[in-house]
Amino acid sequence: QVQLVESGGGLVQPGESLRLSCAASGSIFELNDMGWYRQAPGKRRELVAVFTRSGQINYADSVKGRFTISRDNAKSTVDLQMNSLKPEDTAVYFCNVKMGRWGSYDYWGQGTQVTVAS
């Protein structure tokens, strides 16, 4: 069993910052891609940022230059630093961790709410 525990969501004003953290525990093995997704009300879940096993980082166009993803393989954690937040960033943010050589094992966190409002 693998558990992903997210923390760091909350309510902030436009322009402020938040840092999301995700820690994996349990039967951790061969970490592959680690990333963050989000889902706003009435919308599909979308990729925010991913940090691949090979060290590549990809961001959604809407967050480039504002968000920074980082990972610590030794601690099995992946964080998302979110700066200059906008109301359109409001969503439930989900941590995603893939394991195995081909990323075949796919795990999700429970989600953390981020609300950006004045």
Protein backbone atom coordinates (compact mmCIF):
# COMPACT_ATOMS: atom_id res chain seq x y z
CA GLN A 1 0.00 0.00 0.00
CA VAL A 2 1.13 3.53 -0.80
CA GLN A 3 -0.30 6.65 0.78
CA LEU A 4 0.12 10.20 -0.45
CA VAL A 5 -0.51 12.95 2.06
CA GLU A 6 -0.86 16.51 0.83
CA SER A 7 -0.64 19.69 2.85
CA GLY A 8 -0.42 23.41 2.34
CA GLY A 9 -3.68 24.40 0.72
CA GLY A 10 -5.77 27.30 1.91
CA LEU A 11 -7.36 30.63 1.18
CA VAL A 12 -5.16 33.46 -0.08
CA GLN A 13 -5.58 36.78 -1.82
CA PRO A 14 -4.55 37.39 -5.42
CA GLY A 15 -0.81 37.92 -5.71
CA GLU A 16 0.02 35.89 -2.62
CA SER A 17 1.88 32.60 -2.40
CA LEU A 18 1.28 29.07 -1.17
CA ARG A 19 3.44 25.99 -0.99
CA LEU A 20 1.92 22.55 -1.41
CA SER A 21 3.70 19.48 -0.14
CA CYS A 22 3.09 15.82 -0.83
CA ALA A 23 4.73 12.97 1.03
CA ALA A 24 4.53 9.36 -0.09
CA SER A 25 4.72 6.58 2.46
CA GLY A 26 4.26 2.84 2.60
CA SER A 27 5.59 0.47 -0.02
CA ILE A 28 7.66 2.97 -1.97
CA PHE A 29 9.67 1.59 -4.85
CA GLU A 30 11.31 2.91 -8.00
CA LEU A 31 9.86 6.42 -8.07
CA ASN A 32 9.02 7.59 -11.55
CA ASP A 33 7.22 10.81 -12.50
CA MET A 34 5.93 12.99 -9.66
CA GLY A 35 3.54 15.82 -10.26
CA TRP A 36 0.60 17.99 -9.40
CA TYR A 37 -2.79 18.22 -11.05
CA ARG A 38 -5.77 20.40 -10.30
CA GLN A 39 -9.49 20.34 -10.84
CA ALA A 40 -11.71 23.38 -10.71
CA PRO A 41 -15.48 23.08 -10.27
CA GLY A 42 -17.12 21.92 -13.47
CA LYS A 43 -13.80 21.36 -15.21
CA ARG A 44 -11.64 18.38 -16.03
CA ARG A 45 -8.58 17.55 -14.00
CA GLU A 46 -5.53 19.11 -15.62
CA LEU A 47 -1.80 18.80 -15.29
CA VAL A 48 -0.14 21.66 -13.42
CA ALA A 49 3.45 20.48 -13.24
CA VAL A 50 5.43 17.27 -13.49
CA PHE A 51 8.97 16.39 -12.50
CA THR A 52 10.00 13.32 -14.44
CA ARG A 53 12.27 10.54 -13.36
CA SER A 54 14.91 11.75 -15.81
CA GLY A 55 14.85 15.25 -14.37
CA GLN A 56 12.64 17.00 -16.92
CA ILE A 57 10.15 19.52 -15.63
CA ASN A 58 7.00 20.51 -17.49
CA TYR A 59 4.47 23.15 -16.54
CA ALA A 60 1.05 24.05 -17.79
CA ASP A 61 1.29 27.25 -19.81
CA SER A 62 -1.02 28.99 -17.36
CA VAL A 63 1.43 28.58 -14.46
CA LYS A 64 4.80 28.99 -16.17
CA GLY A 65 6.93 31.59 -14.42
CA ARG A 66 4.75 31.51 -11.30
CA PHE A 67 4.88 27.93 -10.04
CA THR A 68 7.92 25.82 -9.23
CA ILE A 69 7.91 22.06 -8.68
CA SER A 70 10.57 20.26 -6.72
CA ARG A 71 11.13 16.70 -5.57
CA ASP A 72 13.22 14.89 -3.02
CA ASN A 73 13.64 11.24 -3.91
CA ALA A 74 15.26 10.39 -0.60
CA LYS A 75 12.21 11.67 1.26
CA SER A 76 9.68 10.63 -1.42
CA THR A 77 8.24 14.11 -1.52
CA VAL A 78 7.13 16.49 -4.22
CA ASP A 79 6.37 20.15 -3.55
CA LEU A 80 4.74 22.92 -5.52
CA GLN A 81 5.65 26.52 -4.80
CA MET A 82 2.91 28.77 -6.11
CA ASN A 83 3.58 32.49 -6.42
CA SER A 84 1.55 35.36 -7.81
CA LEU A 85 -1.62 33.37 -7.38
CA LYS A 86 -4.66 34.32 -9.42
CA PRO A 87 -8.37 33.63 -8.88
CA GLU A 88 -8.25 31.23 -11.82
CA ASP A 89 -5.80 29.08 -9.86
CA THR A 90 -8.63 28.19 -7.50
CA ALA A 91 -9.07 24.42 -7.57
CA VAL A 92 -8.51 21.21 -5.70
CA TYR A 93 -4.87 20.25 -6.18
CA PHE A 94 -3.90 16.58 -6.36
CA CYS A 95 -0.50 15.04 -5.94
CA ASN A 96 0.35 12.23 -8.35
CA VAL A 97 3.20 9.76 -8.02
CA LYS A 98 4.07 7.06 -10.48
CA MET A 99 6.27 4.12 -9.60
CA GLY A 100 7.92 1.31 -11.47
CA ARG A 101 10.26 1.34 -14.42
CA TRP A 102 7.50 2.37 -16.81
CA GLY A 103 5.42 4.36 -14.33
CA SER A 104 2.75 1.69 -14.39
CA TYR A 105 1.82 2.13 -10.74
CA ASP A 106 -0.18 5.32 -10.37
CA TYR A 107 -1.05 6.88 -7.01
CA TRP A 108 -3.10 9.94 -6.11
CA GLY A 109 -3.42 12.07 -3.04
CA GLN A 110 -6.76 13.01 -1.55
CA GLY A 111 -6.57 16.58 -2.81
CA THR A 112 -6.10 19.91 -1.11
CA GLN A 113 -8.21 22.99 -1.73
CA VAL A 114 -6.57 26.17 -2.95
CA THR A 115 -8.80 29.24 -3.07
CA VAL A 116 -7.60 32.57 -4.38
CA ALA A 117 -10.03 35.38 -3.67
CA SER A 118 -9.96 38.98 -2.48
